[in-house]
Amino acid sequence: KTPCAFIWTEKLTAKRTIVYEKIQIKSDCLYPPKILKRFIKQSKYVIFDHQSSKYVYKVKEYFKKYNTKLMMDAERYDKYMFKMLKYINFFVCSSELAKSLKININQLLKKFIVCGPEIVCCTLGENGAVAICKDNPNKIYYSKPPKVKPIDTTGAGDVFHAGFMYGIIKGWKLEKILSFANKIAALSTKYIGGNTFLNFEKFRY
């Protein structure tokens, strides 16, 4: 059995409280190398987070072998993060990572972009997101989301990552990717659960 999360959303502020079941499972059961290798071979793009970085690191050479693009959702720091950087194409983190590393957002962008990724992005919650690209590391891109009246912020970060990857697959410029990801993440907070409205192909942009 995998852990279950219980989420309470405040009606007035749309802020969340999350409680996880205290269940210990062996991650090796969830990420066996044979399954990961097959998954990488069959995929053009892969998104992973800090919870699976240890196991993705074990099969890192297969991303280059099969020309599979890799995005990391770095919600928080883990010891495999820096080891993985030169294998990651798109590194997306939250401002909490900068706090845990005791550096500011600009320092984080500059520090990580020289380690390998094509794009480094940092989300700022309701204030949007900033990003930097390897082709022009002296320019910092910023995008602010539209103002909405949120009902439930659950999953907004995941929606941002999905929108970001969608823009990459479409071959958009970084400015448009940031704007799109911010917009759909903001709009997702207008719905309970965060994913009931999503259909990127029908989304007008």
N, C-alpha and C. Protein backbone atom coordinates (compact mmCIF):
# COMPACT_ATOMS: atom_id res chain seq x y z
N LYS A 1 0.84 -1.20 0.00
CA LYS A 1 0.00 0.00 0.00
C LYS A 1 0.87 1.25 0.00
N THR A 2 0.52 2.20 -0.83
CA THR A 2 1.22 3.49 -0.83
C THR A 2 0.49 4.46 0.09
N PRO A 3 1.19 5.48 0.62
CA PRO A 3 0.56 6.43 1.54
C PRO A 3 -0.58 7.20 0.88
N CYS A 4 -1.54 7.56 1.67
CA CYS A 4 -2.66 8.37 1.21
C CYS A 4 -2.55 9.77 1.82
N ALA A 5 -2.86 10.80 1.04
CA ALA A 5 -2.81 12.18 1.54
C ALA A 5 -4.22 12.69 1.79
N PHE A 6 -4.40 13.36 2.92
CA PHE A 6 -5.68 13.98 3.26
C PHE A 6 -5.50 15.49 3.19
N ILE A 7 -6.37 16.16 2.45
CA ILE A 7 -6.20 17.59 2.19
C ILE A 7 -7.42 18.36 2.64
N TRP A 8 -7.18 19.40 3.45
CA TRP A 8 -8.22 20.33 3.87
C TRP A 8 -7.97 21.68 3.19
N THR A 9 -9.01 22.26 2.61
CA THR A 9 -8.88 23.55 1.96
C THR A 9 -9.73 24.58 2.69
N GLU A 10 -9.12 25.71 3.07
CA GLU A 10 -9.85 26.78 3.76
C GLU A 10 -10.74 27.51 2.75
N LYS A 11 -11.99 27.68 3.11
CA LYS A 11 -12.96 28.26 2.18
C LYS A 11 -12.66 29.71 1.85
N LEU A 12 -12.20 30.48 2.84
CA LEU A 12 -11.97 31.92 2.63
C LEU A 12 -10.66 32.21 1.90
N THR A 13 -9.62 31.44 2.18
CA THR A 13 -8.30 31.75 1.62
C THR A 13 -7.84 30.76 0.55
N ALA A 14 -8.50 29.61 0.45
CA ALA A 14 -8.14 28.53 -0.48
C ALA A 14 -6.79 27.89 -0.13
N LYS A 15 -6.26 28.20 1.04
CA LYS A 15 -5.00 27.59 1.46
C LYS A 15 -5.24 26.16 1.93
N ARG A 16 -4.18 25.36 1.86
CA ARG A 16 -4.32 23.93 2.13
C ARG A 16 -3.60 23.49 3.40
N THR A 17 -4.11 22.42 3.97
CA THR A 17 -3.40 21.67 4.99
C THR A 17 -3.37 20.22 4.52
N ILE A 18 -2.17 19.64 4.48
CA ILE A 18 -2.03 18.27 3.96
C ILE A 18 -1.46 17.36 5.05
N VAL A 19 -2.09 16.23 5.25
CA VAL A 19 -1.62 15.23 6.19
C VAL A 19 -1.42 13.92 5.44
N TYR A 20 -0.23 13.34 5.60
CA TYR A 20 0.08 12.08 4.93
C TYR A 20 0.00 10.92 5.91
N GLU A 21 -0.45 9.78 5.41
CA GLU A 21 -0.38 8.56 6.20
C GLU A 21 1.09 8.22 6.46
N LYS A 22 1.38 7.77 7.65
CA LYS A 22 2.75 7.39 7.99
C LYS A 22 2.97 5.93 7.62
N ILE A 23 3.25 5.73 6.34
CA ILE A 23 3.47 4.38 5.84
C ILE A 23 4.83 4.33 5.16
N GLN A 24 5.66 3.42 5.58
CA GLN A 24 6.98 3.26 4.97
C GLN A 24 6.93 2.16 3.91
N ILE A 25 7.30 2.53 2.70
CA ILE A 25 7.37 1.53 1.64
C ILE A 25 8.76 1.57 1.01
N LYS A 26 9.18 0.47 0.47
CA LYS A 26 10.47 0.41 -0.20
C LYS A 26 10.34 0.98 -1.60
N SER A 27 11.05 2.10 -1.84
CA SER A 27 10.94 2.76 -3.13
C SER A 27 11.46 1.89 -4.26
N ASP A 28 12.34 0.92 -3.94
CA ASP A 28 12.83 0.02 -4.97
C ASP A 28 11.68 -0.74 -5.64
N CYS A 29 10.61 -0.92 -4.88
CA CYS A 29 9.45 -1.62 -5.43
C CYS A 29 8.72 -0.75 -6.46
N LEU A 30 8.80 0.57 -6.26
CA LEU A 30 8.10 1.50 -7.15
C LEU A 30 8.93 1.86 -8.38
N TYR A 31 10.26 1.83 -8.24
CA TYR A 31 11.14 2.27 -9.32
C TYR A 31 12.18 1.21 -9.69
N PRO A 32 11.78 0.01 -10.07
CA PRO A 32 12.77 -1.00 -10.47
C PRO A 32 13.49 -0.55 -11.74
N PRO A 33 14.82 -0.70 -11.80
CA PRO A 33 15.60 -0.22 -12.95
C PRO A 33 15.09 -0.71 -14.30
N LYS A 34 14.64 -1.96 -14.39
CA LYS A 34 14.16 -2.49 -15.67
C LYS A 34 12.96 -1.71 -16.17
N ILE A 35 12.07 -1.37 -15.25
CA ILE A 35 10.87 -0.61 -15.62
C ILE A 35 11.27 0.81 -16.04
N LEU A 36 12.17 1.43 -15.29
CA LEU A 36 12.61 2.79 -15.61
C LEU A 36 13.29 2.84 -16.97
N LYS A 37 14.15 1.87 -17.25
CA LYS A 37 14.86 1.85 -18.53
C LYS A 37 13.88 1.73 -19.70
N ARG A 38 12.90 0.86 -19.56
CA ARG A 38 11.90 0.69 -20.61
C ARG A 38 11.07 1.96 -20.79
N PHE A 39 10.76 2.59 -19.66
CA PHE A 39 9.98 3.83 -19.69
C PHE A 39 10.75 4.94 -20.40
N ILE A 40 12.04 5.05 -20.11
CA ILE A 40 12.89 6.06 -20.74
C ILE A 40 12.99 5.82 -22.24
N LYS A 41 13.18 4.56 -22.62
CA LYS A 41 13.32 4.20 -24.04
C LYS A 41 12.07 4.56 -24.83
N GLN A 42 10.91 4.43 -24.20
CA GLN A 42 9.64 4.65 -24.88
C GLN A 42 9.17 6.10 -24.83
N SER A 43 9.92 6.96 -24.12
CA SER A 43 9.47 8.34 -23.90
C SER A 43 10.40 9.35 -24.56
N LYS A 44 9.80 10.45 -25.01
CA LYS A 44 10.60 11.57 -25.52
C LYS A 44 10.91 12.56 -24.40
N TYR A 45 10.00 12.63 -23.42
CA TYR A 45 10.16 13.55 -22.29
C TYR A 45 9.77 12.83 -21.00
N VAL A 46 10.50 13.11 -19.94
CA VAL A 46 10.20 12.52 -18.63
C VAL A 46 10.28 13.61 -17.56
N ILE A 47 9.29 13.63 -16.67
CA ILE A 47 9.31 14.52 -15.51
C ILE A 47 9.46 13.66 -14.26
N PHE A 48 10.38 14.05 -13.38
CA PHE A 48 10.50 13.33 -12.11
C PHE A 48 10.70 14.34 -10.98
N ASP A 49 10.45 13.92 -9.74
CA ASP A 49 10.61 14.82 -8.61
C ASP A 49 11.68 14.29 -7.65
N HIS A 50 11.86 15.01 -6.54
CA HIS A 50 12.94 14.68 -5.61
C HIS A 50 12.77 13.30 -4.98
N GLN A 51 11.53 12.83 -4.91
CA GLN A 51 11.30 11.53 -4.28
C GLN A 51 11.82 10.36 -5.12
N SER A 52 11.98 10.59 -6.40
CA SER A 52 12.46 9.51 -7.27
C SER A 52 13.86 9.77 -7.83
N SER A 53 14.50 10.87 -7.41
CA SER A 53 15.79 11.26 -7.99
C SER A 53 16.87 10.19 -7.78
N LYS A 54 16.84 9.54 -6.63
CA LYS A 54 17.84 8.50 -6.35
C LYS A 54 17.78 7.38 -7.38
N TYR A 55 16.57 7.03 -7.79
CA TYR A 55 16.39 5.89 -8.69
C TYR A 55 16.56 6.30 -10.15
N VAL A 56 16.21 7.54 -10.46
CA VAL A 56 16.46 8.07 -11.80
C VAL A 56 17.96 8.19 -12.03
N TYR A 57 18.69 8.57 -10.98
CA TYR A 57 20.14 8.71 -11.08
C TYR A 57 20.80 7.38 -11.47
N LYS A 58 20.25 6.28 -11.00
CA LYS A 58 20.83 4.97 -11.29
C LYS A 58 20.75 4.60 -12.77
N VAL A 59 19.80 5.21 -13.48
CA VAL A 59 19.62 4.89 -14.91
C VAL A 59 19.86 6.12 -15.78
N LYS A 60 20.62 7.07 -15.25
CA LYS A 60 20.82 8.37 -15.90
C LYS A 60 21.39 8.28 -17.32
N GLU A 61 22.28 7.32 -17.56
CA GLU A 61 22.94 7.22 -18.86
C GLU A 61 21.96 6.88 -19.98
N TYR A 62 20.80 6.35 -19.63
CA TYR A 62 19.82 5.96 -20.65
C TYR A 62 19.10 7.16 -21.26
N PHE A 63 19.08 8.28 -20.55
CA PHE A 63 18.45 9.48 -21.11
C PHE A 63 19.22 9.96 -22.34
N LYS A 64 20.53 9.97 -22.24
CA LYS A 64 21.37 10.37 -23.38
C LYS A 64 21.33 9.31 -24.47
N LYS A 65 21.37 8.06 -24.08
CA LYS A 65 21.37 6.95 -25.04
C LYS A 65 20.14 6.99 -25.93
N TYR A 66 18.98 7.28 -25.35
CA TYR A 66 17.73 7.28 -26.11
C TYR A 66 17.25 8.69 -26.45
N ASN A 67 18.09 9.69 -26.17
CA ASN A 67 17.77 11.09 -26.48
C ASN A 67 16.45 11.51 -25.85
N THR A 68 16.25 11.12 -24.61
CA THR A 68 15.04 11.47 -23.86
C THR A 68 15.30 12.71 -23.02
N LYS A 69 14.45 13.72 -23.18
CA LYS A 69 14.59 14.97 -22.43
C LYS A 69 14.05 14.80 -21.01
N LEU A 70 14.75 15.40 -20.06
CA LEU A 70 14.44 15.18 -18.65
C LEU A 70 14.13 16.49 -17.93
N MET A 71 13.01 16.53 -17.23
CA MET A 71 12.66 17.67 -16.38
C MET A 71 12.62 17.23 -14.93
N MET A 72 13.20 18.04 -14.04
CA MET A 72 13.12 17.75 -12.61
C MET A 72 12.20 18.75 -11.92
N ASP A 73 11.25 18.23 -11.19
CA ASP A 73 10.38 19.02 -10.32
C ASP A 73 11.03 19.01 -8.94
N ALA A 74 11.82 20.05 -8.67
CA ALA A 74 12.61 20.10 -7.44
C ALA A 74 11.84 20.87 -6.36
N GLU A 75 10.90 20.19 -5.77
CA GLU A 75 10.08 20.82 -4.72
C GLU A 75 10.92 21.18 -3.50
N ARG A 76 11.89 20.31 -3.20
CA ARG A 76 12.78 20.58 -2.08
C ARG A 76 14.14 19.93 -2.35
N TYR A 77 15.11 20.29 -1.54
CA TYR A 77 16.48 19.80 -1.74
C TYR A 77 16.61 18.31 -1.42
N ASP A 78 17.39 17.62 -2.22
CA ASP A 78 17.81 16.28 -1.87
C ASP A 78 19.23 16.08 -2.37
N LYS A 79 19.93 15.12 -1.80
CA LYS A 79 21.37 14.99 -2.05
C LYS A 79 21.72 14.56 -3.47
N TYR A 80 20.75 14.04 -4.20
CA TYR A 80 21.02 13.62 -5.58
C TYR A 80 20.80 14.76 -6.58
N MET A 81 20.29 15.88 -6.10
CA MET A 81 19.94 16.98 -6.99
C MET A 81 21.13 17.46 -7.81
N PHE A 82 22.23 17.78 -7.14
CA PHE A 82 23.40 18.31 -7.83
C PHE A 82 24.07 17.24 -8.69
N LYS A 83 23.98 15.99 -8.27
CA LYS A 83 24.54 14.90 -9.08
C LYS A 83 23.78 14.76 -10.39
N MET A 84 22.50 15.09 -10.37
CA MET A 84 21.65 14.91 -11.54
C MET A 84 21.69 16.09 -12.50
N LEU A 85 22.16 17.25 -12.05
CA LEU A 85 22.02 18.48 -12.83
C LEU A 85 22.55 18.38 -14.26
N LYS A 86 23.68 17.75 -14.47
CA LYS A 86 24.24 17.70 -15.81
C LYS A 86 23.47 16.77 -16.75
N TYR A 87 22.55 16.00 -16.18
CA TYR A 87 21.71 15.12 -17.00
C TYR A 87 20.32 15.71 -17.23
N ILE A 88 20.01 16.80 -16.51
CA ILE A 88 18.68 17.40 -16.57
C ILE A 88 18.62 18.48 -17.65
N ASN A 89 17.59 18.45 -18.47
CA ASN A 89 17.40 19.47 -19.50
C ASN A 89 16.65 20.68 -18.97
N PHE A 90 15.63 20.42 -18.15
CA PHE A 90 14.78 21.50 -17.64
C PHE A 90 14.63 21.33 -16.12
N PHE A 91 15.15 22.28 -15.38
CA PHE A 91 15.13 22.22 -13.92
C PHE A 91 14.12 23.24 -13.41
N VAL A 92 13.06 22.76 -12.77
CA VAL A 92 12.01 23.64 -12.25
C VAL A 92 11.90 23.43 -10.75
N CYS A 93 12.06 24.51 -9.99
CA CYS A 93 12.02 24.41 -8.53
C CYS A 93 11.11 25.50 -7.97
N SER A 94 10.94 25.50 -6.68
CA SER A 94 10.17 26.55 -6.01
C SER A 94 11.12 27.46 -5.25
N SER A 95 10.61 28.60 -4.83
CA SER A 95 11.43 29.55 -4.07
C SER A 95 11.89 28.96 -2.74
N GLU A 96 11.20 27.90 -2.28
CA GLU A 96 11.60 27.25 -1.04
C GLU A 96 12.99 26.63 -1.15
N LEU A 97 13.37 26.22 -2.35
CA LEU A 97 14.69 25.64 -2.55
C LEU A 97 15.77 26.70 -2.31
N ALA A 98 15.53 27.91 -2.80
CA ALA A 98 16.49 29.00 -2.58
C ALA A 98 16.65 29.28 -1.09
N LYS A 99 15.54 29.25 -0.37
CA LYS A 99 15.59 29.47 1.07
C LYS A 99 16.40 28.38 1.77
N SER A 100 16.19 27.14 1.38
CA SER A 100 16.90 26.04 2.02
C SER A 100 18.39 26.07 1.72
N LEU A 101 18.76 26.62 0.55
CA LEU A 101 20.17 26.75 0.19
C LEU A 101 20.77 28.07 0.69
N LYS A 102 19.91 28.93 1.27
CA LYS A 102 20.32 30.22 1.83
C LYS A 102 20.93 31.14 0.76
N ILE A 103 20.27 31.16 -0.40
CA ILE A 103 20.65 32.08 -1.47
C ILE A 103 19.38 32.73 -2.02
N ASN A 104 19.53 33.84 -2.76
CA ASN A 104 18.34 34.46 -3.33
C ASN A 104 18.00 33.81 -4.67
N ILE A 105 16.87 34.22 -5.24
CA ILE A 105 16.37 33.58 -6.46
C ILE A 105 17.35 33.75 -7.62
N ASN A 106 17.86 34.97 -7.81
CA ASN A 106 18.80 35.21 -8.91
C ASN A 106 20.06 34.37 -8.77
N GLN A 107 20.54 34.24 -7.55
CA GLN A 107 21.73 33.42 -7.30
C GLN A 107 21.46 31.96 -7.64
N LEU A 108 20.26 31.50 -7.31
CA LEU A 108 19.89 30.13 -7.62
C LEU A 108 19.89 29.90 -9.13
N LEU A 109 19.26 30.82 -9.86
CA LEU A 109 19.20 30.68 -11.32
C LEU A 109 20.59 30.62 -11.93
N LYS A 110 21.46 31.55 -11.51
CA LYS A 110 22.82 31.63 -12.05
C LYS A 110 23.65 30.40 -11.65
N LYS A 111 23.43 29.93 -10.43
CA LYS A 111 24.20 28.79 -9.91
C LYS A 111 23.87 27.50 -10.66
N PHE A 112 22.59 27.31 -10.95
CA PHE A 112 22.15 26.04 -11.53
C PHE A 112 22.29 26.00 -13.05
N ILE A 113 22.18 27.15 -13.73
CA ILE A 113 22.22 27.14 -15.19
C ILE A 113 23.59 26.74 -15.73
N VAL A 114 24.65 26.98 -14.96
CA VAL A 114 26.00 26.63 -15.43
C VAL A 114 26.32 25.15 -15.19
N CYS A 115 25.40 24.44 -14.54
CA CYS A 115 25.66 23.03 -14.19
C CYS A 115 25.12 22.05 -15.23
N GLY A 116 24.46 22.56 -16.27
CA GLY A 116 24.01 21.64 -17.31
C GLY A 116 22.64 21.87 -17.93
N PRO A 117 21.61 22.27 -17.15
CA PRO A 117 20.27 22.40 -17.73
C PRO A 117 20.19 23.44 -18.85
N GLU A 118 19.27 23.21 -19.78
CA GLU A 118 18.99 24.19 -20.83
C GLU A 118 18.20 25.36 -20.26
N ILE A 119 17.30 25.04 -19.33
CA ILE A 119 16.45 26.05 -18.69
C ILE A 119 16.39 25.78 -17.19
N VAL A 120 16.48 26.85 -16.40
CA VAL A 120 16.25 26.76 -14.96
C VAL A 120 15.12 27.71 -14.63
N CYS A 121 14.10 27.21 -13.96
CA CYS A 121 12.92 28.01 -13.62
C CYS A 121 12.64 27.90 -12.13
N CYS A 122 12.21 29.00 -11.54
CA CYS A 122 11.85 29.02 -10.12
C CYS A 122 10.45 29.60 -9.97
N THR A 123 9.55 28.84 -9.38
CA THR A 123 8.18 29.32 -9.18
C THR A 123 8.08 30.14 -7.91
N LEU A 124 7.21 31.15 -7.96
CA LEU A 124 7.08 32.10 -6.85
C LEU A 124 5.67 32.12 -6.28
N GLY A 125 4.94 31.03 -6.42
CA GLY A 125 3.58 30.98 -5.91
C GLY A 125 2.68 31.94 -6.65
N GLU A 126 1.91 32.72 -5.91
CA GLU A 126 0.96 33.66 -6.52
C GLU A 126 1.66 34.80 -7.24
N ASN A 127 2.98 34.93 -7.06
CA ASN A 127 3.74 35.99 -7.73
C ASN A 127 4.31 35.55 -9.08
N GLY A 128 4.01 34.33 -9.51
CA GLY A 128 4.43 33.91 -10.83
C GLY A 128 5.67 33.04 -10.84
N ALA A 129 6.55 33.31 -11.79
CA ALA A 129 7.76 32.49 -11.94
C ALA A 129 8.84 33.26 -12.69
N VAL A 130 10.08 32.88 -12.45
CA VAL A 130 11.22 33.46 -13.17
C VAL A 130 12.01 32.31 -13.78
N ALA A 131 12.73 32.61 -14.85
CA ALA A 131 13.50 31.56 -15.52
C ALA A 131 14.71 32.14 -16.24
N ILE A 132 15.63 31.27 -16.55
CA ILE A 132 16.85 31.65 -17.25
C ILE A 132 17.19 30.50 -18.21
N CYS A 133 17.78 30.82 -19.35
CA CYS A 133 18.13 29.77 -20.30
C CYS A 133 19.62 29.79 -20.61
N LYS A 134 20.14 28.65 -20.99
CA LYS A 134 21.57 28.49 -21.22
C LYS A 134 22.05 29.34 -22.39
N ASP A 135 21.18 29.55 -23.39
CA ASP A 135 21.56 30.32 -24.57
C ASP A 135 21.82 31.78 -24.27
N ASN A 136 21.15 32.30 -23.23
CA ASN A 136 21.33 33.71 -22.85
C ASN A 136 21.26 33.82 -21.33
N PRO A 137 22.30 33.38 -20.63
CA PRO A 137 22.25 33.30 -19.16
C PRO A 137 22.24 34.65 -18.45
N ASN A 138 22.43 35.73 -19.19
CA ASN A 138 22.41 37.06 -18.57
C ASN A 138 21.01 37.66 -18.54
N LYS A 139 20.06 37.02 -19.21
CA LYS A 139 18.69 37.54 -19.24
C LYS A 139 17.79 36.68 -18.36
N ILE A 140 17.08 37.34 -17.45
CA ILE A 140 16.14 36.64 -16.58
C ILE A 140 14.71 36.95 -17.03
N TYR A 141 13.95 35.92 -17.28
CA TYR A 141 12.56 36.06 -17.73
C TYR A 141 11.63 35.99 -16.53
N TYR A 142 10.61 36.86 -16.55
CA TYR A 142 9.64 36.87 -15.44
C TYR A 142 8.24 36.90 -16.01
N SER A 143 7.35 36.15 -15.40
CA SER A 143 5.95 36.14 -15.81
C SER A 143 5.06 36.11 -14.57
N LYS A 144 4.05 36.96 -14.58
CA LYS A 144 3.11 37.03 -13.46
C LYS A 144 1.78 36.42 -13.89
N PRO A 145 1.16 35.61 -13.04
CA PRO A 145 -0.10 34.97 -13.41
C PRO A 145 -1.26 35.95 -13.35
N PRO A 146 -2.37 35.63 -14.02
CA PRO A 146 -3.56 36.48 -13.94
C PRO A 146 -4.18 36.39 -12.55
N LYS A 147 -4.87 37.44 -12.16
CA LYS A 147 -5.53 37.43 -10.86
C LYS A 147 -6.82 36.62 -10.95
N VAL A 148 -6.98 35.69 -10.04
CA VAL A 148 -8.19 34.86 -9.99
C VAL A 148 -8.64 34.76 -8.54
N LYS A 149 -9.89 34.36 -8.35
CA LYS A 149 -10.39 34.09 -7.01
C LYS A 149 -10.26 32.58 -6.77
N PRO A 150 -9.24 32.16 -6.03
CA PRO A 150 -8.99 30.72 -5.87
C PRO A 150 -10.00 30.02 -4.97
N ILE A 151 -10.29 28.79 -5.32
CA ILE A 151 -11.15 27.93 -4.51
C ILE A 151 -10.32 26.82 -3.86
N ASP A 152 -9.37 26.30 -4.63
CA ASP A 152 -8.53 25.20 -4.15
C ASP A 152 -7.18 25.25 -4.87
N THR A 153 -6.10 25.43 -4.12
CA THR A 153 -4.77 25.53 -4.73
C THR A 153 -4.08 24.18 -4.88
N THR A 154 -4.78 23.10 -4.50
CA THR A 154 -4.19 21.77 -4.62
C THR A 154 -3.81 21.47 -6.07
N GLY A 155 -2.58 21.06 -6.27
CA GLY A 155 -2.14 20.66 -7.60
C GLY A 155 -1.72 21.78 -8.53
N ALA A 156 -1.76 23.03 -8.06
CA ALA A 156 -1.40 24.15 -8.93
C ALA A 156 0.04 24.04 -9.41
N GLY A 157 0.92 23.60 -8.53
CA GLY A 157 2.32 23.42 -8.92
C GLY A 157 2.49 22.35 -9.98
N ASP A 158 1.75 21.26 -9.83
CA ASP A 158 1.81 20.18 -10.82
C ASP A 158 1.26 20.64 -12.17
N VAL A 159 0.21 21.45 -12.12
CA VAL A 159 -0.34 22.00 -13.36
C VAL A 159 0.67 22.92 -14.04
N PHE A 160 1.40 23.71 -13.24
CA PHE A 160 2.45 24.57 -13.79
C PHE A 160 3.48 23.73 -14.52
N HIS A 161 3.94 22.65 -13.89
CA HIS A 161 4.95 21.79 -14.51
C HIS A 161 4.43 21.17 -15.81
N ALA A 162 3.17 20.76 -15.79
CA ALA A 162 2.58 20.17 -16.99
C ALA A 162 2.51 21.20 -18.11
N GLY A 163 2.09 22.42 -17.76
CA GLY A 163 2.02 23.48 -18.76
C GLY A 163 3.39 23.86 -19.30
N PHE A 164 4.37 23.86 -18.42
CA PHE A 164 5.75 24.18 -18.81
C PHE A 164 6.26 23.14 -19.81
N MET A 165 6.05 21.87 -19.50
CA MET A 165 6.49 20.81 -20.41
C MET A 165 5.72 20.84 -21.72
N TYR A 166 4.44 21.16 -21.64
CA TYR A 166 3.62 21.26 -22.85
C TYR A 166 4.19 22.31 -23.80
N GLY A 167 4.60 23.46 -23.25
CA GLY A 167 5.19 24.51 -24.06
C GLY A 167 6.51 24.08 -24.68
N ILE A 168 7.29 23.33 -23.93
CA ILE A 168 8.56 22.82 -24.45
C ILE A 168 8.32 21.87 -25.62
N ILE A 169 7.36 20.97 -25.45
CA ILE A 169 7.04 20.02 -26.52
C ILE A 169 6.55 20.75 -27.77
N LYS A 170 5.81 21.84 -27.56
CA LYS A 170 5.30 22.62 -28.69
C LYS A 170 6.39 23.47 -29.34
N GLY A 171 7.55 23.59 -28.68
CA GLY A 171 8.64 24.37 -29.24
C GLY A 171 8.49 25.86 -29.06
N TRP A 172 7.74 26.27 -28.04
CA TRP A 172 7.53 27.70 -27.78
C TRP A 172 8.78 28.35 -27.22
N LYS A 173 8.81 29.68 -27.33
CA LYS A 173 9.88 30.46 -26.70
C LYS A 173 9.62 30.50 -25.19
N LEU A 174 10.68 30.77 -24.43
CA LEU A 174 10.60 30.72 -22.98
C LEU A 174 9.55 31.68 -22.42
N GLU A 175 9.44 32.87 -23.01
CA GLU A 175 8.45 33.84 -22.53
C GLU A 175 7.04 33.26 -22.60
N LYS A 176 6.72 32.61 -23.71
CA LYS A 176 5.38 32.04 -23.89
C LYS A 176 5.16 30.84 -22.98
N ILE A 177 6.21 30.04 -22.80
CA ILE A 177 6.10 28.88 -21.90
C ILE A 177 5.76 29.33 -20.49
N LEU A 178 6.49 30.33 -19.99
CA LEU A 178 6.25 30.85 -18.64
C LEU A 178 4.85 31.41 -18.50
N SER A 179 4.44 32.21 -19.48
CA SER A 179 3.13 32.83 -19.44
C SER A 179 2.02 31.79 -19.45
N PHE A 180 2.14 30.80 -20.30
CA PHE A 180 1.14 29.74 -20.41
C PHE A 180 1.06 28.93 -19.12
N ALA A 181 2.21 28.50 -18.60
CA ALA A 181 2.23 27.69 -17.38
C ALA A 181 1.64 28.46 -16.20
N ASN A 182 1.96 29.74 -16.11
CA ASN A 182 1.40 30.57 -15.04
C ASN A 182 -0.11 30.70 -15.16
N LYS A 183 -0.57 30.90 -16.39
CA LYS A 183 -2.00 31.12 -16.60
C LYS A 183 -2.81 29.88 -16.24
N ILE A 184 -2.39 28.71 -16.72
CA ILE A 184 -3.20 27.52 -16.43
C ILE A 184 -3.09 27.10 -14.97
N ALA A 185 -1.94 27.38 -14.34
CA ALA A 185 -1.79 27.07 -12.92
C ALA A 185 -2.75 27.93 -12.10
N ALA A 186 -2.84 29.21 -12.47
CA ALA A 186 -3.75 30.12 -11.77
C ALA A 186 -5.20 29.70 -11.99
N LEU A 187 -5.56 29.37 -13.23
CA LEU A 187 -6.93 28.99 -13.54
C LEU A 187 -7.32 27.67 -12.87
N SER A 188 -6.34 26.81 -12.65
CA SER A 188 -6.64 25.52 -12.00
C SER A 188 -7.11 25.69 -10.57
N THR A 189 -6.76 26.81 -9.94
CA THR A 189 -7.15 27.04 -8.55
C THR A 189 -8.63 27.44 -8.43
N LYS A 190 -9.29 27.65 -9.55
CA LYS A 190 -10.71 28.00 -9.54
C LYS A 190 -11.61 26.77 -9.45
N TYR A 191 -10.98 25.59 -9.45
CA TYR A 191 -11.73 24.34 -9.46
C TYR A 191 -11.25 23.42 -8.33
N ILE A 192 -12.16 22.68 -7.76
CA ILE A 192 -11.80 21.71 -6.72
C ILE A 192 -10.95 20.61 -7.34
N GLY A 193 -9.82 20.34 -6.70
CA GLY A 193 -8.96 19.26 -7.18
C GLY A 193 -7.89 19.69 -8.14
N GLY A 194 -8.07 20.81 -8.80
CA GLY A 194 -7.01 21.38 -9.62
C GLY A 194 -6.85 20.83 -11.02
N ASN A 195 -7.60 19.78 -11.38
CA ASN A 195 -7.39 19.21 -12.71
C ASN A 195 -8.68 18.95 -13.48
N THR A 196 -9.80 19.43 -12.97
CA THR A 196 -11.07 19.10 -13.60
C THR A 196 -11.32 19.87 -14.89
N PHE A 197 -10.62 20.98 -15.09
CA PHE A 197 -10.88 21.80 -16.27
C PHE A 197 -9.87 21.58 -17.39
N LEU A 198 -8.81 20.81 -17.13
CA LEU A 198 -7.66 20.80 -18.02
C LEU A 198 -7.86 20.01 -19.30
N ASN A 199 -7.66 20.70 -20.40
CA ASN A 199 -7.54 20.10 -21.73
C ASN A 199 -6.71 21.08 -22.54
N PHE A 200 -5.40 20.86 -22.56
CA PHE A 200 -4.50 21.84 -23.16
C PHE A 200 -4.80 22.10 -24.63
N GLU A 201 -5.28 21.09 -25.35
CA GLU A 201 -5.54 21.26 -26.77
C GLU A 201 -6.73 22.18 -27.02
N LYS A 202 -7.66 22.25 -26.06
CA LYS A 202 -8.83 23.12 -26.21
C LYS A 202 -8.63 24.46 -25.53
N PHE A 203 -7.53 24.58 -24.77
CA PHE A 203 -7.27 25.81 -24.02
C PHE A 203 -6.84 26.91 -24.98
N ARG A 204 -7.55 28.01 -25.00
CA ARG A 204 -7.23 29.11 -25.91
C ARG A 204 -6.10 29.94 -25.33
N TYR A 205 -5.08 30.14 -26.15
CA TYR A 205 -3.95 30.93 -25.69
C TYR A 205 -3.34 31.67 -26.86
